PDB file of N, CA and C in Angstrom:
ATOM      1  N   MET A   1      74.759 126.957  93.792  1.00  0.00           N
ATOM      2  CA  MET A   1      75.741 127.979  94.125  1.00  0.00           C
ATOM      3  C   MET A   1      77.086 127.545  93.515  1.00  0.00           C
ATOM      4  N   ARG A   2      77.718 128.520  92.858  1.00  0.00           N
ATOM      5  CA  ARG A   2      79.013 128.252  92.209  1.00  0.00           C
ATOM      6  C   ARG A   2      80.165 128.420  93.173  1.00  0.00           C
ATOM      7  N   ARG A   3      81.075 127.466  93.133  1.00  0.00           N
ATOM      8  CA  ARG A   3      82.246 127.507  94.012  1.00  0.00           C
ATOM      9  C   ARG A   3      83.280 128.475  93.432  1.00  0.00           C
ATOM     10  N   LYS A   4      83.920 129.203  94.295  1.00  0.00           N
ATOM     11  CA  LYS A   4      85.007 130.064  93.879  1.00  0.00           C
ATOM     12  C   LYS A   4      86.229 129.228  93.606  1.00  0.00           C
ATOM     13  N   ARG A   5      87.025 129.660  92.663  1.00  0.00           N
ATOM     14  CA  ARG A   5      88.250 128.953  92.305  1.00  0.00           C
ATOM     15  C   ARG A   5      89.426 129.881  92.490  1.00  0.00           C
ATOM     16  N   PHE A   6      90.571 129.303  92.788  1.00  0.00           N
ATOM     17  CA  PHE A   6      91.810 130.090  92.892  1.00  0.00           C
ATOM     18  C   PHE A   6      92.329 130.418  91.497  1.00  0.00           C
ATOM     19  N   ASP A   7      92.963 131.540  91.371  1.00  0.00           N
ATOM     20  CA  ASP A   7      93.582 131.926  90.097  1.00  0.00           C
ATOM     21  C   ASP A   7      94.640 130.922  89.706  1.00  0.00           C
ATOM     22  N   PRO A   8      94.567 130.375  88.511  1.00  0.00           N
ATOM     23  CA  PRO A   8      95.557 129.355  88.068  1.00  0.00           C
ATOM     24  C   PRO A   8      96.979 129.867  88.145  1.00  0.00           C
ATOM     25  N   ALA A   9      97.201 131.156  87.873  1.00  0.00           N
ATOM     26  CA  ALA A   9      98.563 131.715  87.974  1.00  0.00           C
ATOM     27  C   ALA A   9      99.093 131.668  89.413  1.00  0.00           C
ATOM     28  N   LEU A  10      98.228 131.920  90.389  1.00  0.00           N
ATOM     29  CA  LEU A  10      98.612 131.831  91.780  1.00  0.00           C
ATOM     30  C   LEU A  10      98.984 130.398  92.139  1.00  0.00           C
ATOM     31  N   LEU A  11      98.162 129.443  91.723  1.00  0.00           N
ATOM     32  CA  LEU A  11      98.466 128.013  92.016  1.00  0.00           C
ATOM     33  C   LEU A  11      99.772 127.597  91.365  1.00  0.00           C
ATOM     34  N   ALA A  12     100.023 128.021  90.141  1.00  0.00           N
ATOM     35  CA  ALA A  12     101.256 127.678  89.447  1.00  0.00           C
ATOM     36  C   ALA A  12     102.457 128.274  90.201  1.00  0.00           C
ATOM     37  N   LYS A  13     102.332 129.522  90.652  1.00  0.00           N
ATOM     38  CA  LYS A  13     103.411 130.165  91.418  1.00  0.00           C
ATOM     39  C   LYS A  13     103.710 129.390  92.702  1.00  0.00           C
ATOM     40  N   LEU A  14     102.646 129.027  93.425  1.00  0.00           N
ATOM     41  CA  LEU A  14     102.841 128.300  94.673  1.00  0.00           C
ATOM     42  C   LEU A  14     103.439 126.925  94.459  1.00  0.00           C
ATOM     43  N   ARG A  15     103.042 126.272  93.373  1.00  0.00           N
ATOM     44  CA  ARG A  15     103.577 124.948  93.087  1.00  0.00           C
ATOM     45  C   ARG A  15     105.029 124.982  92.614  1.00  0.00           C
ATOM     46  N   SER A  16     105.516 126.137  92.212  1.00  0.00           N
ATOM     47  CA  SER A  16     106.896 126.270  91.768  1.00  0.00           C
ATOM     48  C   SER A  16     107.865 126.739  92.826  1.00  0.00           C
ATOM     49  N   MET A  17     107.351 127.002  94.039  1.00  0.00           N
ATOM     50  CA  MET A  17     108.178 127.471  95.150  1.00  0.00           C
ATOM     51  C   MET A  17     108.992 126.339  95.733  1.00  0.00           C
ATOM     52  N   THR A  18     110.242 126.625  96.088  1.00  0.00           N
ATOM     53  CA  THR A  18     111.079 125.619  96.756  1.00  0.00           C
ATOM     54  C   THR A  18     110.609 125.491  98.216  1.00  0.00           C
ATOM     55  N   PRO A  19     110.989 124.393  98.852  1.00  0.00           N
ATOM     56  CA  PRO A  19     110.641 124.276 100.271  1.00  0.00           C
ATOM     57  C   PRO A  19     111.229 125.399 101.115  1.00  0.00           C
ATOM     58  N   GLN A  20     112.428 125.835 100.813  1.00  0.00           N
ATOM     59  CA  GLN A  20     113.035 126.907 101.578  1.00  0.00           C
ATOM     60  C   GLN A  20     112.210 128.194 101.414  1.00  0.00           C
ATOM     61  N   GLN A  21     111.789 128.519 100.211  1.00  0.00           N
ATOM     62  CA  GLN A  21     110.946 129.726 100.015  1.00  0.00           C
ATOM     63  C   GLN A  21     109.626 129.569 100.732  1.00  0.00           C
ATOM     64  N   THR A  22     109.089 128.373 100.714  1.00  0.00           N
ATOM     65  CA  THR A  22     107.819 128.101 101.383  1.00  0.00           C
ATOM     66  C   THR A  22     107.931 128.291 102.893  1.00  0.00           C
ATOM     67  N   LEU A  23     108.992 127.747 103.457  1.00  0.00           N
ATOM     68  CA  LEU A  23     109.186 127.867 104.927  1.00  0.00           C
ATOM     69  C   LEU A  23     109.381 129.312 105.314  1.00  0.00           C
ATOM     70  N   ASP A  24     110.110 130.085 104.527  1.00  0.00           N
ATOM     71  CA  ASP A  24     110.256 131.496 104.805  1.00  0.00           C
ATOM     72  C   ASP A  24     108.918 132.221 104.705  1.00  0.00           C
ATOM     73  N   ARG A  25     108.164 131.909 103.688  1.00  0.00           N
ATOM     74  CA  ARG A  25     106.856 132.551 103.499  1.00  0.00           C
ATOM     75  C   ARG A  25     105.897 132.233 104.673  1.00  0.00           C
ATOM     76  N   LEU A  26     105.998 131.010 105.191  1.00  0.00           N
ATOM     77  CA  LEU A  26     105.158 130.601 106.305  1.00  0.00           C
ATOM     78  C   LEU A  26     105.693 131.113 107.672  1.00  0.00           C
ATOM     79  N   GLY A  27     106.884 131.670 107.648  1.00  0.00           N
ATOM     80  CA  GLY A  27     107.473 132.192 108.878  1.00  0.00           C
ATOM     81  C   GLY A  27     107.928 131.111 109.824  1.00  0.00           C
ATOM     82  N   LEU A  28     108.320 129.946 109.286  1.00  0.00           N
ATOM     83  CA  LEU A  28     108.763 128.827 110.111  1.00  0.00           C
ATOM     84  C   LEU A  28     110.279 128.834 110.228  1.00  0.00           C
ATOM     85  N   HIS A  29     110.747 128.449 111.395  1.00  0.00           N
ATOM     86  CA  HIS A  29     112.186 128.346 111.632  1.00  0.00           C
ATOM     87  C   HIS A  29     112.706 127.063 110.983  1.00  0.00           C
ATOM     88  N   TRP A  30     113.809 127.181 110.233  1.00  0.00           N
ATOM     89  CA  TRP A  30     114.417 126.024 109.637  1.00  0.00           C
ATOM     90  C   TRP A  30     115.915 126.245 109.530  1.00  0.00           C
ATOM     91  N   GLN A  31     116.624 125.128 109.487  1.00  0.00           N
ATOM     92  CA  GLN A  31     118.058 125.212 109.267  1.00  0.00           C
ATOM     93  C   GLN A  31     118.528 124.042 108.417  1.00  0.00           C
ATOM     94  N   ARG A  32     119.516 124.306 107.624  1.00  0.00           N
ATOM     95  CA  ARG A  32     120.107 123.310 106.776  1.00  0.00           C
ATOM     96  C   ARG A  32     121.128 122.473 107.563  1.00  0.00           C
ATOM     97  N   ASP A  33     121.156 121.178 107.323  1.00  0.00           N
ATOM     98  CA  ASP A  33     122.128 120.313 107.975  1.00  0.00           C
ATOM     99  C   ASP A  33     123.448 120.441 107.241  1.00  0.00           C
ATOM    100  N   PRO A  34     124.476 121.061 107.883  1.00  0.00           N
ATOM    101  CA  PRO A  34     125.733 121.277 107.179  1.00  0.00           C
ATOM    102  C   PRO A  34     126.525 119.983 106.931  1.00  0.00           C
ATOM    103  N   ASP A  35     126.215 118.945 107.646  1.00  0.00           N
ATOM    104  CA  ASP A  35     126.935 117.677 107.505  1.00  0.00           C
ATOM    105  C   ASP A  35     126.341 116.710 106.463  1.00  0.00           C
ATOM    106  N   PHE A  36     125.162 117.055 105.957  1.00  0.00           N
ATOM    107  CA  PHE A  36     124.465 116.174 104.985  1.00  0.00           C
ATOM    108  C   PHE A  36     125.229 116.201 103.665  1.00  0.00           C
ATOM    109  N   ARG A  37     125.471 115.004 103.110  1.00  0.00           N
ATOM    110  CA  ARG A  37     126.104 114.851 101.808  1.00  0.00           C
ATOM    111  C   ARG A  37     125.165 114.093 100.894  1.00  0.00           C
ATOM    112  N   PRO A  38     124.656 114.751  99.836  1.00  0.00           N
ATOM    113  CA  PRO A  38     123.711 114.051  98.932  1.00  0.00           C
ATOM    114  C   PRO A  38     124.356 112.894  98.222  1.00  0.00           C
ATOM    115  N   GLN A  39     123.554 111.856  97.981  1.00  0.00           N
ATOM    116  CA  GLN A  39     124.061 110.649  97.315  1.00  0.00           C
ATOM    117  C   GLN A  39     123.946 110.729  95.780  1.00  0.00           C
ATOM    118  N   LYS A  40     122.877 111.372  95.289  1.00  0.00           N
ATOM    119  CA  LYS A  40     122.624 111.399  93.862  1.00  0.00           C
ATOM    120  C   LYS A  40     122.700 112.808  93.273  1.00  0.00           C
ATOM    121  N   ASP A  41     121.796 113.673  93.691  1.00  0.00           N
ATOM    122  CA  ASP A  41     121.687 115.023  93.129  1.00  0.00           C
ATOM    123  C   ASP A  41     122.398 116.022  94.042  1.00  0.00           C
ATOM    124  N   PRO A  42     123.384 116.754  93.563  1.00  0.00           N
ATOM    125  CA  PRO A  42     124.130 117.684  94.421  1.00  0.00           C
ATOM    126  C   PRO A  42     123.254 118.842  94.962  1.00  0.00           C
ATOM    127  N   ARG A  43     122.104 119.043  94.349  1.00  0.00           N
ATOM    128  CA  ARG A  43     121.189 120.115  94.850  1.00  0.00           C
ATOM    129  C   ARG A  43     120.436 119.672  96.091  1.00  0.00           C
ATOM    130  N   THR A  44     120.440 118.433  96.428  1.00  0.00           N
ATOM    131  CA  THR A  44     119.670 117.888  97.546  1.00  0.00           C
ATOM    132  C   THR A  44     120.267 118.382  98.880  1.00  0.00           C
ATOM    133  N   ALA A  45     119.332 118.729  99.799  1.00  0.00           N
ATOM    134  CA  ALA A  45     119.754 119.201 101.130  1.00  0.00           C
ATOM    135  C   ALA A  45     118.832 118.599 102.170  1.00  0.00           C
ATOM    136  N   ARG A  46     119.307 118.529 103.405  1.00  0.00           N
ATOM    137  CA  ARG A  46     118.455 118.091 104.523  1.00  0.00           C
ATOM    138  C   ARG A  46     118.185 119.329 105.370  1.00  0.00           C
ATOM    139  N   LEU A  47     116.900 119.525 105.649  1.00  0.00           N
ATOM    140  CA  LEU A  47     116.473 120.676 106.461  1.00  0.00           C
ATOM    141  C   LEU A  47     115.769 120.184 107.738  1.00  0.00           C
ATOM    142  N   TYR A  48     116.010 120.895 108.818  1.00  0.00           N
ATOM    143  CA  TYR A  48     115.269 120.620 110.076  1.00  0.00           C
ATOM    144  C   TYR A  48     114.345 121.818 110.246  1.00  0.00           C
ATOM    145  N   VAL A  49     113.010 121.526 110.380  1.00  0.00           N
ATOM    146  CA  VAL A  49     111.994 122.541 110.452  1.00  0.00           C
ATOM    147  C   VAL A  49     111.281 122.437 111.791  1.00  0.00           C
ATOM    148  N   THR A  50     111.147 123.577 112.468  1.00  0.00           N
ATOM    149  CA  THR A  50     110.436 123.609 113.722  1.00  0.00           C
ATOM    150  C   THR A  50     109.022 124.184 113.526  1.00  0.00           C
ATOM    151  N   VAL A  51     108.024 123.407 113.930  1.00  0.00           N
ATOM    152  CA  VAL A  51     106.643 123.826 113.908  1.00  0.00           C
ATOM    153  C   VAL A  51     106.081 123.579 115.286  1.00  0.00           C
ATOM    154  N   GLY A  52     105.907 124.674 116.068  1.00  0.00           N
ATOM    155  CA  GLY A  52     105.493 124.482 117.447  1.00  0.00           C
ATOM    156  C   GLY A  52     106.548 123.718 118.210  1.00  0.00           C
ATOM    157  N   SER A  53     106.147 122.610 118.826  1.00  0.00           N
ATOM    158  CA  SER A  53     107.121 121.799 119.567  1.00  0.00           C
ATOM    159  C   SER A  53     107.614 120.628 118.737  1.00  0.00           C
ATOM    160  N   SER A  54     107.241 120.533 117.474  1.00  0.00           N
ATOM    161  CA  SER A  54     107.666 119.433 116.600  1.00  0.00           C
ATOM    162  C   SER A  54     108.813 119.849 115.706  1.00  0.00           C
ATOM    163  N   VAL A  55     109.696 118.906 115.429  1.00  0.00           N
ATOM    164  CA  VAL A  55     110.786 119.113 114.472  1.00  0.00           C
ATOM    165  C   VAL A  55     110.655 118.128 113.341  1.00  0.00           C
ATOM    166  N   PHE A  56     110.619 118.628 112.125  1.00  0.00           N
ATOM    167  CA  PHE A  56     110.520 117.775 110.931  1.00  0.00           C
ATOM    168  C   PHE A  56     111.880 117.699 110.283  1.00  0.00           C
ATOM    169  N   GLU A  57     112.189 116.547 109.733  1.00  0.00           N
ATOM    170  CA  GLU A  57     113.426 116.366 108.969  1.00  0.00           C
ATOM    171  C   GLU A  57     113.021 116.176 107.499  1.00  0.00           C
ATOM    172  N   LEU A  58     113.357 117.158 106.689  1.00  0.00           N
ATOM    173  CA  LEU A  58     112.972 117.124 105.271  1.00  0.00           C
ATOM    174  C   LEU A  58     114.214 116.998 104.417  1.00  0.00           C
ATOM    175  N   VAL A  59     114.133 116.129 103.405  1.00  0.00           N
ATOM    176  CA  VAL A  59     115.142 116.087 102.370  1.00  0.00           C
ATOM    177  C   VAL A  59     114.516 116.746 101.144  1.00  0.00           C
ATOM    178  N   VAL A  60     115.212 117.770 100.635  1.00  0.00           N
ATOM    179  CA  VAL A  60     114.647 118.581  99.556  1.00  0.00           C
ATOM    180  C   VAL A  60     115.553 118.633  98.353  1.00  0.00           C
ATOM    181  N   THR A  61     114.902 118.652  97.185  1.00  0.00           N
ATOM    182  CA  THR A  61     115.606 118.841  95.915  1.00  0.00           C
ATOM    183  C   THR A  61     114.695 119.642  95.009  1.00  0.00           C
ATOM    184  N   GLY A  62     115.084 120.846  94.620  1.00  0.00           N
ATOM    185  CA  GLY A  62     114.227 121.713  93.820  1.00  0.00           C
ATOM    186  C   GLY A  62     112.952 121.967  94.571  1.00  0.00           C
ATOM    187  N   VAL A  63     111.811 121.718  93.936  1.00  0.00           N
ATOM    188  CA  VAL A  63     110.511 121.936  94.584  1.00  0.00           C
ATOM    189  C   VAL A  63     110.038 120.716  95.358  1.00  0.00           C
ATOM    190  N   ARG A  64     110.699 119.594  95.187  1.00  0.00           N
ATOM    191  CA  ARG A  64     110.301 118.329  95.828  1.00  0.00           C
ATOM    192  C   ARG A  64     110.819 118.269  97.275  1.00  0.00           C
ATOM    193  N   TRP A  65     110.036 117.614  98.145  1.00  0.00           N
ATOM    194  CA  TRP A  65     110.431 117.433  99.544  1.00  0.00           C
ATOM    195  C   TRP A  65     109.993 116.041  99.983  1.00  0.00           C
ATOM    196  N   TYR A  66     110.700 115.548 101.003  1.00  0.00           N
ATOM    197  CA  TYR A  66     110.337 114.261 101.590  1.00  0.00           C
ATOM    198  C   TYR A  66     110.598 114.334 103.087  1.00  0.00           C
ATOM    199  N   ASP A  67     109.565 114.024 103.866  1.00  0.00           N
ATOM    200  CA  ASP A  67     109.653 113.988 105.336  1.00  0.00           C
ATOM    201  C   ASP A  67     110.140 112.592 105.698  1.00  0.00           C
ATOM    202  N   THR A  68     111.375 112.488 106.151  1.00  0.00           N
ATOM    203  CA  THR A  68     111.986 111.189 106.412  1.00  0.00           C
ATOM    204  C   THR A  68     111.303 110.459 107.573  1.00  0.00           C
ATOM    205  N   ARG A  69     110.790 111.182 108.518  1.00  0.00           N
ATOM    206  CA  ARG A  69     110.191 110.543 109.688  1.00  0.00           C
ATOM    207  C   ARG A  69     108.761 110.089 109.421  1.00  0.00           C
ATOM    208  N   ALA A  70     108.027 110.874 108.665  1.00  0.00           N
ATOM    209  CA  ALA A  70     106.633 110.527 108.321  1.00  0.00           C
ATOM    210  C   ALA A  70     106.571 109.636 107.084  1.00  0.00           C
ATOM    211  N   GLU A  71     107.723 109.518 106.372  1.00  0.00           N
ATOM    212  CA  GLU A  71     107.810 108.770 105.131  1.00  0.00           C
ATOM    213  C   GLU A  71     106.755 109.237 104.126  1.00  0.00           C
ATOM    214  N   ARG A  72     106.722 110.573 103.953  1.00  0.00           N
ATOM    215  CA  ARG A  72     105.724 111.199 103.082  1.00  0.00           C
ATOM    216  C   ARG A  72     106.393 112.364 102.350  1.00  0.00           C
ATOM    217  N   GLY A  73     106.059 112.559 101.114  1.00  0.00           N
ATOM    218  CA  GLY A  73     106.647 113.640 100.348  1.00  0.00           C
ATOM    219  C   GLY A  73     105.669 114.290  99.406  1.00  0.00           C
ATOM    220  N   GLY A  74     106.159 115.294  98.727  1.00  0.00           N
ATOM    221  CA  GLY A  74     105.337 116.011  97.756  1.00  0.00           C
ATOM    222  C   GLY A  74     106.172 117.062  97.055  1.00  0.00           C
ATOM    223  N   GLY A  75     105.475 118.021  96.447  1.00  0.00           N
ATOM    224  CA  GLY A  75     106.192 119.089  95.735  1.00  0.00           C
ATOM    225  C   GLY A  75     105.437 120.379  95.798  1.00  0.00           C
ATOM    226  N   GLY A  76     106.168 121.464  95.937  1.00  0.00           N
ATOM    227  CA  GLY A  76     105.569 122.777  95.941  1.00  0.00           C
ATOM    228  C   GLY A  76     105.071 123.207  97.308  1.00  0.00           C
ATOM    229  N   ALA A  77     104.750 124.482  97.361  1.00  0.00           N
ATOM    230  CA  ALA A  77     104.375 125.109  98.621  1.00  0.00           C
ATOM    231  C   ALA A  77     103.082 124.601  99.212  1.00  0.00           C
ATOM    232  N   ILE A  78     102.110 124.294  98.368  1.00  0.00           N
ATOM    233  CA  ILE A  78     100.786 123.892  98.851  1.00  0.00           C
ATOM    234  C   ILE A  78     100.890 122.568  99.587  1.00  0.00           C
ATOM    235  N   ASP A  79     101.523 121.585  98.954  1.00  0.00           N
ATOM    236  CA  ASP A  79     101.692 120.272  99.604  1.00  0.00           C
ATOM    237  C   ASP A  79     102.446 120.403 100.915  1.00  0.00           C
ATOM    238  N   LEU A  80     103.479 121.209 100.948  1.00  0.00           N
ATOM    239  CA  LEU A  80     104.309 121.337 102.146  1.00  0.00           C
ATOM    240  C   LEU A  80     103.549 122.025 103.268  1.00  0.00           C
ATOM    241  N   ALA A  81     102.829 123.069 102.960  1.00  0.00           N
ATOM    242  CA  ALA A  81     101.994 123.761 103.963  1.00  0.00           C
ATOM    243  C   ALA A  81     100.923 122.814 104.518  1.00  0.00           C
ATOM    244  N   MET A  82     100.294 122.066 103.629  1.00  0.00           N
ATOM    245  CA  MET A  82      99.269 121.126 104.075  1.00  0.00           C
ATOM    246  C   MET A  82      99.925 120.088 105.037  1.00  0.00           C
ATOM    247  N   HIS A  83     101.090 119.589 104.710  1.00  0.00           N
ATOM    248  CA  HIS A  83     101.727 118.561 105.506  1.00  0.00           C
ATOM    249  C   HIS A  83     102.201 119.129 106.868  1.00  0.00           C
ATOM    250  N   LEU A  84     102.927 120.213 106.861  1.00  0.00           N
ATOM    251  CA  LEU A  84     103.549 120.703 108.100  1.00  0.00           C
ATOM    252  C   LEU A  84     102.521 121.319 109.054  1.00  0.00           C
ATOM    253  N   LEU A  85     101.522 122.025 108.482  1.00  0.00           N
ATOM    254  CA  LEU A  85     100.554 122.735 109.307  1.00  0.00           C
ATOM    255  C   LEU A  85      99.210 122.016 109.419  1.00  0.00           C
ATOM    256  N   ARG A  86      99.112 120.867 108.775  1.00  0.00           N
ATOM    257  CA  ARG A  86      97.864 120.065 108.802  1.00  0.00           C
ATOM    258  C   ARG A  86      96.682 120.919 108.308  1.00  0.00           C
ATOM    259  N   LEU A  87      96.858 121.518 107.147  1.00  0.00           N
ATOM    260  CA  LEU A  87      95.840 122.386 106.574  1.00  0.00           C
ATOM    261  C   LEU A  87      95.149 121.695 105.420  1.00  0.00           C
ATOM    262  N   SER A  88      93.942 122.103 105.114  1.00  0.00           N
ATOM    263  CA  SER A  88      93.270 121.670 103.884  1.00  0.00           C
ATOM    264  C   SER A  88      93.882 122.393 102.710  1.00  0.00           C
ATOM    265  N   PHE A  89      93.611 121.946 101.506  1.00  0.00           N
ATOM    266  CA  PHE A  89      94.109 122.608 100.304  1.00  0.00           C
ATOM    267  C   PHE A  89      93.737 124.078 100.306  1.00  0.00           C
ATOM    268  N   VAL A  90      92.469 124.363 100.530  1.00  0.00           N
ATOM    269  CA  VAL A  90      91.965 125.729 100.510  1.00  0.00           C
ATOM    270  C   VAL A  90      92.668 126.590 101.574  1.00  0.00           C
ATOM    271  N   ASP A  91      92.780 126.049 102.793  1.00  0.00           N
ATOM    272  CA  ASP A  91      93.428 126.823 103.847  1.00  0.00           C
ATOM    273  C   ASP A  91      94.911 127.028 103.588  1.00  0.00           C
ATOM    274  N   ALA A  92      95.590 126.050 102.976  1.00  0.00           N
ATOM    275  CA  ALA A  92      96.999 126.200 102.620  1.00  0.00           C
ATOM    276  C   ALA A  92      97.185 127.292 101.601  1.00  0.00           C
ATOM    277  N   VAL A  93      96.363 127.304 100.571  1.00  0.00           N
ATOM    278  CA  VAL A  93      96.482 128.335  99.548  1.00  0.00           C
ATOM    279  C   VAL A  93      96.205 129.715 100.162  1.00  0.00           C
ATOM    280  N   LYS A  94      95.188 129.816 100.998  1.00  0.00           N
ATOM    281  CA  LYS A  94      94.894 131.085 101.645  1.00  0.00           C
ATOM    282  C   LYS A  94      96.054 131.542 102.519  1.00  0.00           C
ATOM    283  N   ARG A  95      96.629 130.648 103.291  1.00  0.00           N
ATOM    284  CA  ARG A  95      97.754 130.998 104.175  1.00  0.00           C
ATOM    285  C   ARG A  95      98.953 131.454 103.354  1.00  0.00           C
ATOM    286  N   LEU A  96      99.250 130.741 102.282  1.00  0.00           N
ATOM    287  CA  LEU A  96     100.392 131.104 101.441  1.00  0.00           C
ATOM    288  C   LEU A  96     100.141 132.382 100.629  1.00  0.00           C
ATOM    289  N   SER A  97      98.899 132.723 100.463  1.00  0.00           N
ATOM    290  CA  SER A  97      98.559 133.930  99.693  1.00  0.00           C
ATOM    291  C   SER A  97      98.596 135.201 100.531  1.00  0.00           C
ATOM    292  N   GLN A  98      98.644 135.048 101.850  1.00  0.00           N
ATOM    293  CA  GLN A  98      98.666 136.198 102.745  1.00  0.00           C
ATOM    294  C   GLN A  98      99.963 136.949 102.578  1.00  0.00           C
ATOM    295  N   ASP A  99      99.894 138.265 102.613  1.00  0.00           N
ATOM    296  CA  ASP A  99     101.086 139.102 102.540  1.00  0.00           C
ATOM    297  C   ASP A  99     101.788 139.050 103.887  1.00  0.00           C
ATOM    298  N   GLY A 100     103.134 139.041 103.825  1.00  0.00           N
ATOM    299  CA  GLY A 100     103.898 139.090 105.064  1.00  0.00           C
ATOM    300  C   GLY A 100     103.985 137.731 105.645  1.00  0.00           C
TER     301      GLY A 100
END
C-alpha cells in the first residue's frame, strides 16, 4: 500500500510561517513581552503563549523559535505546532491545513 504524501508547496508554505502567524492560525492566545530587549538581532521578540493551562515562553526571530523553559527550538509552523500541541508531524500538518 502506497503512503499518501503532503503537497511539497503546502509544506514549504508551513515551514515559512513565522511563529506569530502560526499561533494565530492555531487560534492560540499569545502576547509579546513589551519589556524584552533583544541582544543581537533587533527582529527578536519574546512571546508568552497560552495552551490550556500552560504558558510557554518563546524567543522568536523570523521563522525560528526557542522555548526557553523546555530548552528546545525549531523553525516554521510544523515544528511549533508539534511542540506546543504535542502532535505528530502528520497531525500538525493536518491541523495547520484546516481552514479557519
